Amino acid sequence: MAAAIRLYLDENLTPAIAEQLRLRGIDAVSVRDLDALGESDASHLKRAIEMERALVTADTDLLVMASEGVEHWGIIYGKPNKHSIGDWVTKLELICSVYDADEMKNHVEYL
């Protein structure tokens, strides 16, 4: 069986998204859960890589890093202020049901 996607939510997303995903059985942590608020985007990406988690963000800097060839366990991007908490949860749950961790590696998915 393929490994499930594990999510790392950037600080620009409310931790309520991670909480709702966990209630649905999805392994999700937020930057706030990790006491890592205020760290750089590069630091968050590095930690997500070390933890083998896809990074969920509304920050285009991470898209730039991915386009420059930085390897990662997946980046899931949504436009800031476009999606409600429910939208994020529903769409992330769908992504986690469609892809496995290997398929997400070095893949960028847009909400």
PDB file of N, CA and C in Angstrom:
ATOM      1  N   MET A   1       0.852  -1.194   0.000  1.00  0.00           N
ATOM      2  CA  MET A   1       0.000   0.000   0.000  1.00  0.00           C
ATOM      3  C   MET A   1       0.888   1.243   0.000  1.00  0.00           C
ATOM      4  N   ALA A   2       0.551   2.202  -0.825  1.00  0.00           N
ATOM      5  CA  ALA A   2       1.323   3.436  -0.933  1.00  0.00           C
ATOM      6  C   ALA A   2       1.156   4.275   0.337  1.00  0.00           C
ATOM      7  N   ALA A   3       2.203   5.013   0.660  1.00  0.00           N
ATOM      8  CA  ALA A   3       2.173   5.861   1.854  1.00  0.00           C
ATOM      9  C   ALA A   3       1.253   7.050   1.634  1.00  0.00           C
ATOM     10  N   ALA A   4       0.494   7.366   2.664  1.00  0.00           N
ATOM     11  CA  ALA A   4      -0.428   8.503   2.607  1.00  0.00           C
ATOM     12  C   ALA A   4       0.354   9.810   2.666  1.00  0.00           C
ATOM     13  N   ILE A   5      -0.209  10.826   2.076  1.00  0.00           N
ATOM     14  CA  ILE A   5       0.379  12.165   2.139  1.00  0.00           C
ATOM     15  C   ILE A   5       0.237  12.685   3.561  1.00  0.00           C
ATOM     16  N   ARG A   6       1.313  13.251   4.061  1.00  0.00           N
ATOM     17  CA  ARG A   6       1.319  13.911   5.365  1.00  0.00           C
ATOM     18  C   ARG A   6       1.510  15.400   5.096  1.00  0.00           C
ATOM     19  N   LEU A   7       0.748  16.244   5.758  1.00  0.00           N
ATOM     20  CA  LEU A   7       0.724  17.679   5.442  1.00  0.00           C
ATOM     21  C   LEU A   7       1.390  18.535   6.518  1.00  0.00           C
ATOM     22  N   TYR A   8       2.028  19.603   6.058  1.00  0.00           N
ATOM     23  CA  TYR A   8       2.664  20.623   6.896  1.00  0.00           C
ATOM     24  C   TYR A   8       2.068  21.955   6.444  1.00  0.00           C
ATOM     25  N   LEU A   9       1.256  22.572   7.303  1.00  0.00           N
ATOM     26  CA  LEU A   9       0.590  23.825   6.931  1.00  0.00           C
ATOM     27  C   LEU A   9       1.425  25.022   7.349  1.00  0.00           C
ATOM     28  N   ASP A  10       1.723  25.858   6.387  1.00  0.00           N
ATOM     29  CA  ASP A  10       2.517  27.071   6.588  1.00  0.00           C
ATOM     30  C   ASP A  10       1.785  28.022   7.532  1.00  0.00           C
ATOM     31  N   GLU A  11       2.519  28.994   8.053  1.00  0.00           N
ATOM     32  CA  GLU A  11       1.933  29.904   9.045  1.00  0.00           C
ATOM     33  C   GLU A  11       0.907  30.866   8.472  1.00  0.00           C
ATOM     34  N   ASN A  12       0.830  30.974   7.149  1.00  0.00           N
ATOM     35  CA  ASN A  12      -0.180  31.863   6.581  1.00  0.00           C
ATOM     36  C   ASN A  12      -1.560  31.203   6.498  1.00  0.00           C
ATOM     37  N   LEU A  13      -1.669  29.987   7.015  1.00  0.00           N
ATOM     38  CA  LEU A  13      -2.956  29.281   7.063  1.00  0.00           C
ATOM     39  C   LEU A  13      -3.357  29.074   8.521  1.00  0.00           C
ATOM     40  N   THR A  14      -4.633  29.195   8.787  1.00  0.00           N
ATOM     41  CA  THR A  14      -5.123  29.003  10.146  1.00  0.00           C
ATOM     42  C   THR A  14      -4.926  27.553  10.601  1.00  0.00           C
ATOM     43  N   PRO A  15      -4.536  27.360  11.864  1.00  0.00           N
ATOM     44  CA  PRO A  15      -4.376  25.992  12.366  1.00  0.00           C
ATOM     45  C   PRO A  15      -5.701  25.220  12.418  1.00  0.00           C
ATOM     46  N   ALA A  16      -6.817  25.922  12.279  1.00  0.00           N
ATOM     47  CA  ALA A  16      -8.118  25.243  12.248  1.00  0.00           C
ATOM     48  C   ALA A  16      -8.197  24.276  11.064  1.00  0.00           C
ATOM     49  N   ILE A  17      -7.491  24.565   9.997  1.00  0.00           N
ATOM     50  CA  ILE A  17      -7.484  23.660   8.839  1.00  0.00           C
ATOM     51  C   ILE A  17      -6.845  22.336   9.232  1.00  0.00           C
ATOM     52  N   ALA A  18      -5.691  22.400   9.885  1.00  0.00           N
ATOM     53  CA  ALA A  18      -5.019  21.173  10.330  1.00  0.00           C
ATOM     54  C   ALA A  18      -5.900  20.401  11.312  1.00  0.00           C
ATOM     55  N   GLU A  19      -6.549  21.116  12.210  1.00  0.00           N
ATOM     56  CA  GLU A  19      -7.427  20.467  13.187  1.00  0.00           C
ATOM     57  C   GLU A  19      -8.554  19.707  12.485  1.00  0.00           C
ATOM     58  N   GLN A  20      -9.184  20.349  11.506  1.00  0.00           N
ATOM     59  CA  GLN A  20     -10.278  19.707  10.775  1.00  0.00           C
ATOM     60  C   GLN A  20      -9.784  18.502   9.972  1.00  0.00           C
ATOM     61  N   LEU A  21      -8.597  18.615   9.394  1.00  0.00           N
ATOM     62  CA  LEU A  21      -8.039  17.490   8.638  1.00  0.00           C
ATOM     63  C   LEU A  21      -7.749  16.306   9.553  1.00  0.00           C
ATOM     64  N   ARG A  22      -7.211  16.588  10.735  1.00  0.00           N
ATOM     65  CA  ARG A  22      -6.940  15.501  11.692  1.00  0.00           C
ATOM     66  C   ARG A  22      -8.227  14.789  12.094  1.00  0.00           C
ATOM     67  N   LEU A  23      -9.318  15.554  12.237  1.00  0.00           N
ATOM     68  CA  LEU A  23     -10.614  14.935  12.556  1.00  0.00           C
ATOM     69  C   LEU A  23     -11.070  13.983  11.451  1.00  0.00           C
ATOM     70  N   ARG A  24     -10.563  14.196  10.242  1.00  0.00           N
ATOM     71  CA  ARG A  24     -10.904  13.354   9.098  1.00  0.00           C
ATOM     72  C   ARG A  24      -9.861  12.251   8.869  1.00  0.00           C
ATOM     73  N   GLY A  25      -8.929  12.115   9.804  1.00  0.00           N
ATOM     74  CA  GLY A  25      -7.943  11.042   9.716  1.00  0.00           C
ATOM     75  C   GLY A  25      -6.725  11.360   8.878  1.00  0.00           C
ATOM     76  N   ILE A  26      -6.520  12.621   8.551  1.00  0.00           N
ATOM     77  CA  ILE A  26      -5.369  13.026   7.741  1.00  0.00           C
ATOM     78  C   ILE A  26      -4.284  13.553   8.671  1.00  0.00           C
ATOM     79  N   ASP A  27      -3.067  13.098   8.455  1.00  0.00           N
ATOM     80  CA  ASP A  27      -1.922  13.512   9.268  1.00  0.00           C
ATOM     81  C   ASP A  27      -1.518  14.919   8.834  1.00  0.00           C
ATOM     82  N   ALA A  28      -1.877  15.906   9.638  1.00  0.00           N
ATOM     83  CA  ALA A  28      -1.602  17.310   9.306  1.00  0.00           C
ATOM     84  C   ALA A  28      -1.099  18.039  10.546  1.00  0.00           C
ATOM     85  N   VAL A  29      -0.029  18.817  10.359  1.00  0.00           N
ATOM     86  CA  VAL A  29       0.478  19.681  11.422  1.00  0.00           C
ATOM     87  C   VAL A  29       0.555  21.094  10.877  1.00  0.00           C
ATOM     88  N   SER A  30       0.432  22.054  11.785  1.00  0.00           N
ATOM     89  CA  SER A  30       0.601  23.447  11.384  1.00  0.00           C
ATOM     90  C   SER A  30       1.883  23.981  12.003  1.00  0.00           C
ATOM     91  N   VAL A  31       2.370  25.054  11.450  1.00  0.00           N
ATOM     92  CA  VAL A  31       3.556  25.717  11.986  1.00  0.00           C
ATOM     93  C   VAL A  31       3.336  26.062  13.455  1.00  0.00           C
ATOM     94  N   ARG A  32       2.118  26.437  13.795  1.00  0.00           N
ATOM     95  CA  ARG A  32       1.817  26.770  15.192  1.00  0.00           C
ATOM     96  C   ARG A  32       1.939  25.546  16.099  1.00  0.00           C
ATOM     97  N   ASP A  33       1.547  24.370  15.600  1.00  0.00           N
ATOM     98  CA  ASP A  33       1.705  23.129  16.370  1.00  0.00           C
ATOM     99  C   ASP A  33       3.176  22.879  16.696  1.00  0.00           C
ATOM    100  N   LEU A  34       4.044  23.292  15.797  1.00  0.00           N
ATOM    101  CA  LEU A  34       5.479  23.034  15.927  1.00  0.00           C
ATOM    102  C   LEU A  34       6.226  24.184  16.599  1.00  0.00           C
ATOM    103  N   ASP A  35       5.502  25.212  17.052  1.00  0.00           N
ATOM    104  CA  ASP A  35       6.118  26.414  17.648  1.00  0.00           C
ATOM    105  C   ASP A  35       7.197  26.995  16.734  1.00  0.00           C
ATOM    106  N   ALA A  36       6.867  27.114  15.453  1.00  0.00           N
ATOM    107  CA  ALA A  36       7.834  27.601  14.466  1.00  0.00           C
ATOM    108  C   ALA A  36       7.360  28.876  13.771  1.00  0.00           C
ATOM    109  N   LEU A  37       6.498  29.641  14.436  1.00  0.00           N
ATOM    110  CA  LEU A  37       6.028  30.899  13.847  1.00  0.00           C
ATOM    111  C   LEU A  37       7.188  31.857  13.622  1.00  0.00           C
ATOM    112  N   GLY A  38       7.134  32.575  12.519  1.00  0.00           N
ATOM    113  CA  GLY A  38       8.124  33.603  12.235  1.00  0.00           C
ATOM    114  C   GLY A  38       9.371  33.113  11.529  1.00  0.00           C
ATOM    115  N   GLU A  39       9.483  31.823  11.311  1.00  0.00           N
ATOM    116  CA  GLU A  39      10.646  31.307  10.591  1.00  0.00           C
ATOM    117  C   GLU A  39      10.502  31.592   9.101  1.00  0.00           C
ATOM    118  N   SER A  40      11.598  31.534   8.388  1.00  0.00           N
ATOM    119  CA  SER A  40      11.597  31.835   6.956  1.00  0.00           C
ATOM    120  C   SER A  40      10.909  30.728   6.166  1.00  0.00           C
ATOM    121  N   ASP A  41      10.509  31.072   4.946  1.00  0.00           N
ATOM    122  CA  ASP A  41       9.909  30.078   4.055  1.00  0.00           C
ATOM    123  C   ASP A  41      10.888  28.937   3.799  1.00  0.00           C
ATOM    124  N   ALA A  42      12.161  29.274   3.619  1.00  0.00           N
ATOM    125  CA  ALA A  42      13.172  28.238   3.388  1.00  0.00           C
ATOM    126  C   ALA A  42      13.266  27.290   4.580  1.00  0.00           C
ATOM    127  N   SER A  43      13.159  27.823   5.773  1.00  0.00           N
ATOM    128  CA  SER A  43      13.198  27.004   6.980  1.00  0.00           C
ATOM    129  C   SER A  43      11.990  26.069   7.050  1.00  0.00           C
ATOM    130  N   HIS A  44      10.809  26.597   6.715  1.00  0.00           N
ATOM    131  CA  HIS A  44       9.610  25.760   6.718  1.00  0.00           C
ATOM    132  C   HIS A  44       9.721  24.655   5.676  1.00  0.00           C
ATOM    133  N   LEU A  45      10.216  24.991   4.499  1.00  0.00           N
ATOM    134  CA  LEU A  45      10.359  23.978   3.458  1.00  0.00           C
ATOM    135  C   LEU A  45      11.365  22.914   3.895  1.00  0.00           C
ATOM    136  N   LYS A  46      12.468  23.337   4.492  1.00  0.00           N
ATOM    137  CA  LYS A  46      13.484  22.393   4.967  1.00  0.00           C
ATOM    138  C   LYS A  46      12.881  21.444   6.006  1.00  0.00           C
ATOM    139  N   ARG A  47      12.123  21.991   6.968  1.00  0.00           N
ATOM    140  CA  ARG A  47      11.500  21.160   7.996  1.00  0.00           C
ATOM    141  C   ARG A  47      10.486  20.197   7.372  1.00  0.00           C
ATOM    142  N   ALA A  48       9.676  20.691   6.432  1.00  0.00           N
ATOM    143  CA  ALA A  48       8.700  19.822   5.767  1.00  0.00           C
ATOM    144  C   ALA A  48       9.414  18.676   5.045  1.00  0.00           C
ATOM    145  N   ILE A  49      10.542  18.962   4.427  1.00  0.00           N
ATOM    146  CA  ILE A  49      11.325  17.922   3.742  1.00  0.00           C
ATOM    147  C   ILE A  49      11.834  16.905   4.759  1.00  0.00           C
ATOM    148  N   GLU A  50      12.401  17.401   5.862  1.00  0.00           N
ATOM    149  CA  GLU A  50      12.920  16.509   6.898  1.00  0.00           C
ATOM    150  C   GLU A  50      11.824  15.627   7.480  1.00  0.00           C
ATOM    151  N   MET A  51      10.621  16.173   7.577  1.00  0.00           N
ATOM    152  CA  MET A  51       9.490  15.432   8.139  1.00  0.00           C
ATOM    153  C   MET A  51       8.744  14.615   7.079  1.00  0.00           C
ATOM    154  N   GLU A  52       9.204  14.710   5.819  1.00  0.00           N
ATOM    155  CA  GLU A  52       8.581  14.029   4.681  1.00  0.00           C
ATOM    156  C   GLU A  52       7.104  14.384   4.571  1.00  0.00           C
ATOM    157  N   ARG A  53       6.840  15.696   4.584  1.00  0.00           N
ATOM    158  CA  ARG A  53       5.476  16.216   4.506  1.00  0.00           C
ATOM    159  C   ARG A  53       5.341  17.164   3.316  1.00  0.00           C
ATOM    160  N   ALA A  54       4.179  17.132   2.699  1.00  0.00           N
ATOM    161  CA  ALA A  54       3.861  18.112   1.658  1.00  0.00           C
ATOM    162  C   ALA A  54       3.558  19.434   2.359  1.00  0.00           C
ATOM    163  N   LEU A  55       4.098  20.514   1.838  1.00  0.00           N
ATOM    164  CA  LEU A  55       3.917  21.839   2.420  1.00  0.00           C
ATOM    165  C   LEU A  55       2.702  22.510   1.790  1.00  0.00           C
ATOM    166  N   VAL A  56       1.774  22.918   2.637  1.00  0.00           N
ATOM    167  CA  VAL A  56       0.547  23.584   2.193  1.00  0.00           C
ATOM    168  C   VAL A  56       0.713  25.068   2.486  1.00  0.00           C
ATOM    169  N   THR A  57       0.499  25.917   1.483  1.00  0.00           N
ATOM    170  CA  THR A  57       0.818  27.328   1.640  1.00  0.00           C
ATOM    171  C   THR A  57      -0.033  28.227   0.753  1.00  0.00           C
ATOM    172  N   ALA A  58      -0.029  29.495   1.099  1.00  0.00           N
ATOM    173  CA  ALA A  58      -0.599  30.543   0.248  1.00  0.00           C
ATOM    174  C   ALA A  58       0.501  31.535  -0.098  1.00  0.00           C
ATOM    175  N   ASP A  59       1.734  31.080  -0.034  1.00  0.00           N
ATOM    176  CA  ASP A  59       2.918  31.928  -0.223  1.00  0.00           C
ATOM    177  C   ASP A  59       3.620  31.571  -1.540  1.00  0.00           C
ATOM    178  N   THR A  60       3.695  32.525  -2.453  1.00  0.00           N
ATOM    179  CA  THR A  60       4.296  32.258  -3.763  1.00  0.00           C
ATOM    180  C   THR A  60       5.807  32.052  -3.704  1.00  0.00           C
ATOM    181  N   ASP A  61       6.468  32.475  -2.628  1.00  0.00           N
ATOM    182  CA  ASP A  61       7.917  32.251  -2.521  1.00  0.00           C
ATOM    183  C   ASP A  61       8.241  30.758  -2.616  1.00  0.00           C
ATOM    184  N   LEU A  62       7.372  29.933  -2.068  1.00  0.00           N
ATOM    185  CA  LEU A  62       7.611  28.495  -2.109  1.00  0.00           C
ATOM    186  C   LEU A  62       7.446  27.940  -3.523  1.00  0.00           C
ATOM    187  N   LEU A  63       6.568  28.549  -4.304  1.00  0.00           N
ATOM    188  CA  LEU A  63       6.435  28.143  -5.711  1.00  0.00           C
ATOM    189  C   LEU A  63       7.705  28.482  -6.477  1.00  0.00           C
ATOM    190  N   VAL A  64       8.290  29.625  -6.162  1.00  0.00           N
ATOM    191  CA  VAL A  64       9.551  30.018  -6.803  1.00  0.00           C
ATOM    192  C   VAL A  64      10.640  29.010  -6.466  1.00  0.00           C
ATOM    193  N   MET A  65      10.748  28.635  -5.199  1.00  0.00           N
ATOM    194  CA  MET A  65      11.763  27.653  -4.794  1.00  0.00           C
ATOM    195  C   MET A  65      11.575  26.341  -5.546  1.00  0.00           C
ATOM    196  N   ALA A  66      10.344  25.897  -5.672  1.00  0.00           N
ATOM    197  CA  ALA A  66      10.073  24.656  -6.401  1.00  0.00           C
ATOM    198  C   ALA A  66      10.460  24.790  -7.868  1.00  0.00           C
ATOM    199  N   SER A  67      10.166  25.951  -8.461  1.00  0.00           N
ATOM    200  CA  SER A  67      10.493  26.150  -9.879  1.00  0.00           C
ATOM    201  C   SER A  67      12.002  26.231 -10.111  1.00  0.00           C
ATOM    202  N   GLU A  68      12.736  26.541  -9.053  1.00  0.00           N
ATOM    203  CA  GLU A  68      14.201  26.609  -9.148  1.00  0.00           C
ATOM    204  C   GLU A  68      14.852  25.249  -8.918  1.00  0.00           C
ATOM    205  N   GLY A  69      14.041  24.216  -8.736  1.00  0.00           N
ATOM    206  CA  GLY A  69      14.572  22.867  -8.631  1.00  0.00           C
ATOM    207  C   GLY A  69      14.802  22.355  -7.222  1.00  0.00           C
ATOM    208  N   VAL A  70      14.369  23.094  -6.206  1.00  0.00           N
ATOM    209  CA  VAL A  70      14.492  22.602  -4.836  1.00  0.00           C
ATOM    210  C   VAL A  70      13.600  21.371  -4.689  1.00  0.00           C
ATOM    211  N   GLU A  71      14.184  20.260  -4.272  1.00  0.00           N
ATOM    212  CA  GLU A  71      13.397  19.047  -4.097  1.00  0.00           C
ATOM    213  C   GLU A  71      12.536  19.163  -2.846  1.00  0.00           C
ATOM    214  N   HIS A  72      11.361  18.534  -2.883  1.00  0.00           N
ATOM    215  CA  HIS A  72      10.423  18.627  -1.770  1.00  0.00           C
ATOM    216  C   HIS A  72       9.470  17.443  -1.807  1.00  0.00           C
ATOM    217  N   TRP A  73       8.668  17.313  -0.763  1.00  0.00           N
ATOM    218  CA  TRP A  73       7.686  16.233  -0.658  1.00  0.00           C
ATOM    219  C   TRP A  73       6.315  16.673  -1.154  1.00  0.00           C
ATOM    220  N   GLY A  74       6.287  17.729  -1.919  1.00  0.00           N
ATOM    221  CA  GLY A  74       5.055  18.258  -2.479  1.00  0.00           C
ATOM    222  C   GLY A  74       4.763  19.641  -1.922  1.00  0.00           C
ATOM    223  N   ILE A  75       4.232  20.487  -2.774  1.00  0.00           N
ATOM    224  CA  ILE A  75       3.773  21.811  -2.365  1.00  0.00           C
ATOM    225  C   ILE A  75       2.349  21.953  -2.869  1.00  0.00           C
ATOM    226  N   ILE A  76       1.471  22.332  -1.967  1.00  0.00           N
ATOM    227  CA  ILE A  76       0.067  22.552  -2.315  1.00  0.00           C
ATOM    228  C   ILE A  76      -0.209  24.020  -2.074  1.00  0.00           C
ATOM    229  N   TYR A  77      -0.580  24.724  -3.139  1.00  0.00           N
ATOM    230  CA  TYR A  77      -0.735  26.185  -3.088  1.00  0.00           C
ATOM    231  C   TYR A  77      -2.181  26.602  -3.325  1.00  0.00           C
ATOM    232  N   GLY A  78      -2.625  27.517  -2.519  1.00  0.00           N
ATOM    233  CA  GLY A  78      -3.924  28.155  -2.720  1.00  0.00           C
ATOM    234  C   GLY A  78      -3.760  29.658  -2.586  1.00  0.00           C
ATOM    235  N   LYS A  79      -4.524  30.406  -3.345  1.00  0.00           N
ATOM    236  CA  LYS A  79      -4.425  31.871  -3.278  1.00  0.00           C
ATOM    237  C   LYS A  79      -4.921  32.375  -1.927  1.00  0.00           C
ATOM    238  N   PRO A  80      -4.173  33.336  -1.370  1.00  0.00           N
ATOM    239  CA  PRO A  80      -4.601  33.877  -0.076  1.00  0.00           C
ATOM    240  C   PRO A  80      -5.959  34.572  -0.188  1.00  0.00           C
ATOM    241  N   ASN A  81      -6.759  34.425   0.832  1.00  0.00           N
ATOM    242  CA  ASN A  81      -8.078  35.060   0.941  1.00  0.00           C
ATOM    243  C   ASN A  81      -9.081  34.627  -0.123  1.00  0.00           C
ATOM    244  N   LYS A  82      -8.767  33.582  -0.882  1.00  0.00           N
ATOM    245  CA  LYS A  82      -9.711  33.102  -1.890  1.00  0.00           C
ATOM    246  C   LYS A  82     -10.539  31.932  -1.360  1.00  0.00           C
ATOM    247  N   HIS A  83      -9.950  31.150  -0.462  1.00  0.00           N
ATOM    248  CA  HIS A  83     -10.585  29.926   0.002  1.00  0.00           C
ATOM    249  C   HIS A  83     -10.989  30.049   1.467  1.00  0.00           C
ATOM    250  N   SER A  84     -12.162  29.537   1.780  1.00  0.00           N
ATOM    251  CA  SER A  84     -12.600  29.470   3.177  1.00  0.00           C
ATOM    252  C   SER A  84     -11.903  28.280   3.843  1.00  0.00           C
ATOM    253  N   ILE A  85     -12.032  28.194   5.162  1.00  0.00           N
ATOM    254  CA  ILE A  85     -11.475  27.047   5.875  1.00  0.00           C
ATOM    255  C   ILE A  85     -12.076  25.761   5.308  1.00  0.00           C
ATOM    256  N   GLY A  86     -13.374  25.762   5.088  1.00  0.00           N
ATOM    257  CA  GLY A  86     -14.032  24.585   4.520  1.00  0.00           C
ATOM    258  C   GLY A  86     -13.496  24.206   3.148  1.00  0.00           C
ATOM    259  N   ASP A  87     -13.218  25.214   2.312  1.00  0.00           N
ATOM    260  CA  ASP A  87     -12.638  24.946   0.986  1.00  0.00           C
ATOM    261  C   ASP A  87     -11.279  24.259   1.125  1.00  0.00           C
ATOM    262  N   TRP A  88     -10.425  24.833   1.995  1.00  0.00           N
ATOM    263  CA  TRP A  88      -9.091  24.250   2.199  1.00  0.00           C
ATOM    264  C   TRP A  88      -9.226  22.801   2.644  1.00  0.00           C
ATOM    265  N   VAL A  89     -10.068  22.556   3.635  1.00  0.00           N
ATOM    266  CA  VAL A  89     -10.212  21.210   4.194  1.00  0.00           C
ATOM    267  C   VAL A  89     -10.718  20.242   3.127  1.00  0.00           C
ATOM    268  N   THR A  90     -11.773  20.617   2.421  1.00  0.00           N
ATOM    269  CA  THR A  90     -12.353  19.745   1.396  1.00  0.00           C
ATOM    270  C   THR A  90     -11.353  19.441   0.291  1.00  0.00           C
ATOM    271  N   LYS A  91     -10.676  20.461  -0.188  1.00  0.00           N
ATOM    272  CA  LYS A  91      -9.745  20.268  -1.306  1.00  0.00           C
ATOM    273  C   LYS A  91      -8.495  19.499  -0.884  1.00  0.00           C
ATOM    274  N   LEU A  92      -8.008  19.754   0.331  1.00  0.00           N
ATOM    275  CA  LEU A  92      -6.849  19.004   0.812  1.00  0.00           C
ATOM    276  C   LEU A  92      -7.211  17.538   1.050  1.00  0.00           C
ATOM    277  N   GLU A  93      -8.405  17.309   1.562  1.00  0.00           N
ATOM    278  CA  GLU A  93      -8.867  15.933   1.758  1.00  0.00           C
ATOM    279  C   GLU A  93      -8.945  15.209   0.414  1.00  0.00           C
ATOM    280  N   LEU A  94      -9.422  15.889  -0.617  1.00  0.00           N
ATOM    281  CA  LEU A  94      -9.487  15.296  -1.955  1.00  0.00           C
ATOM    282  C   LEU A  94      -8.088  14.977  -2.476  1.00  0.00           C
ATOM    283  N   ILE A  95      -7.169  15.922  -2.345  1.00  0.00           N
ATOM    284  CA  ILE A  95      -5.787  15.695  -2.800  1.00  0.00           C
ATOM    285  C   ILE A  95      -5.199  14.470  -2.101  1.00  0.00           C
ATOM    286  N   CYS A  96      -5.433  14.374  -0.789  1.00  0.00           N
ATOM    287  CA  CYS A  96      -4.899  13.242  -0.025  1.00  0.00           C
ATOM    288  C   CYS A  96      -5.548  11.918  -0.419  1.00  0.00           C
ATOM    289  N   SER A  97      -6.735  11.954  -0.975  1.00  0.00           N
ATOM    290  CA  SER A  97      -7.391  10.715  -1.406  1.00  0.00           C
ATOM    291  C   SER A  97      -6.995  10.326  -2.830  1.00  0.00           C
ATOM    292  N   VAL A  98      -6.514  11.280  -3.613  1.00  0.00           N
ATOM    293  CA  VAL A  98      -6.171  11.023  -5.009  1.00  0.00           C
ATOM    294  C   VAL A  98      -4.698  10.660  -5.182  1.00  0.00           C
ATOM    295  N   TYR A  99      -3.818  11.349  -4.462  1.00  0.00           N
ATOM    296  CA  TYR A  99      -2.376  11.141  -4.591  1.00  0.00           C
ATOM    297  C   TYR A  99      -1.841  10.359  -3.400  1.00  0.00           C
ATOM    298  N   ASP A 100      -0.692   9.698  -3.605  1.00  0.00           N
ATOM    299  CA  ASP A 100       0.038   9.154  -2.465  1.00  0.00           C
ATOM    300  C   ASP A 100       1.328   9.963  -2.320  1.00  0.00           C
ATOM    301  N   ALA A 101       2.078   9.681  -1.264  1.00  0.00           N
ATOM    302  CA  ALA A 101       3.268  10.478  -0.958  1.00  0.00           C
ATOM    303  C   ALA A 101       4.286  10.459  -2.094  1.00  0.00           C
ATOM    304  N   ASP A 102       4.467   9.303  -2.728  1.00  0.00           N
ATOM    305  CA  ASP A 102       5.437   9.219  -3.832  1.00  0.00           C
ATOM    306  C   ASP A 102       5.019  10.084  -5.014  1.00  0.00           C
ATOM    307  N   GLU A 103       3.737  10.133  -5.297  1.00  0.00           N
ATOM    308  CA  GLU A 103       3.247  10.944  -6.418  1.00  0.00           C
ATOM    309  C   GLU A 103       3.379  12.438  -6.132  1.00  0.00           C
ATOM    310  N   MET A 104       3.308  12.805  -4.876  1.00  0.00           N
ATOM    311  CA  MET A 104       3.416  14.227  -4.513  1.00  0.00           C
ATOM    312  C   MET A 104       4.854  14.724  -4.498  1.00  0.00           C
ATOM    313  N   LYS A 105       5.807  13.816  -4.385  1.00  0.00           N
ATOM    314  CA  LYS A 105       7.207  14.227  -4.283  1.00  0.00           C
ATOM    315  C   LYS A 105       7.585  15.070  -5.504  1.00  0.00           C
ATOM    316  N   ASN A 106       8.057  16.295  -5.244  1.00  0.00           N
ATOM    317  CA  ASN A 106       8.461  17.280  -6.253  1.00  0.00           C
ATOM    318  C   ASN A 106       7.315  17.711  -7.172  1.00  0.00           C
ATOM    319  N   HIS A 107       6.108  17.539  -6.706  1.00  0.00           N
ATOM    320  CA  HIS A 107       4.907  17.950  -7.457  1.00  0.00           C
ATOM    321  C   HIS A 107       4.299  19.187  -6.793  1.00  0.00           C
ATOM    322  N   VAL A 108       3.817  20.104  -7.601  1.00  0.00           N
ATOM    323  CA  VAL A 108       3.101  21.266  -7.094  1.00  0.00           C
ATOM    324  C   VAL A 108       1.641  21.127  -7.506  1.00  0.00           C
ATOM    325  N   GLU A 109       0.764  21.230  -6.524  1.00  0.00           N
ATOM    326  CA  GLU A 109      -0.675  21.122  -6.771  1.00  0.00           C
ATOM    327  C   GLU A 109      -1.317  22.451  -6.398  1.00  0.00           C
ATOM    328  N   TYR A 110      -2.221  22.916  -7.232  1.00  0.00           N
ATOM    329  CA  TYR A 110      -2.917  24.197  -7.008  1.00  0.00           C
ATOM    330  C   TYR A 110      -4.369  23.929  -6.631  1.00  0.00           C
ATOM    331  N   LEU A 111      -4.848  24.658  -5.622  1.00  0.00           N
ATOM    332  CA  LEU A 111      -6.260  24.521  -5.234  1.00  0.00           C
ATOM    333  C   LEU A 111      -7.126  25.299  -6.203  1.00  0.00           C
TER     334      LEU A 111
END
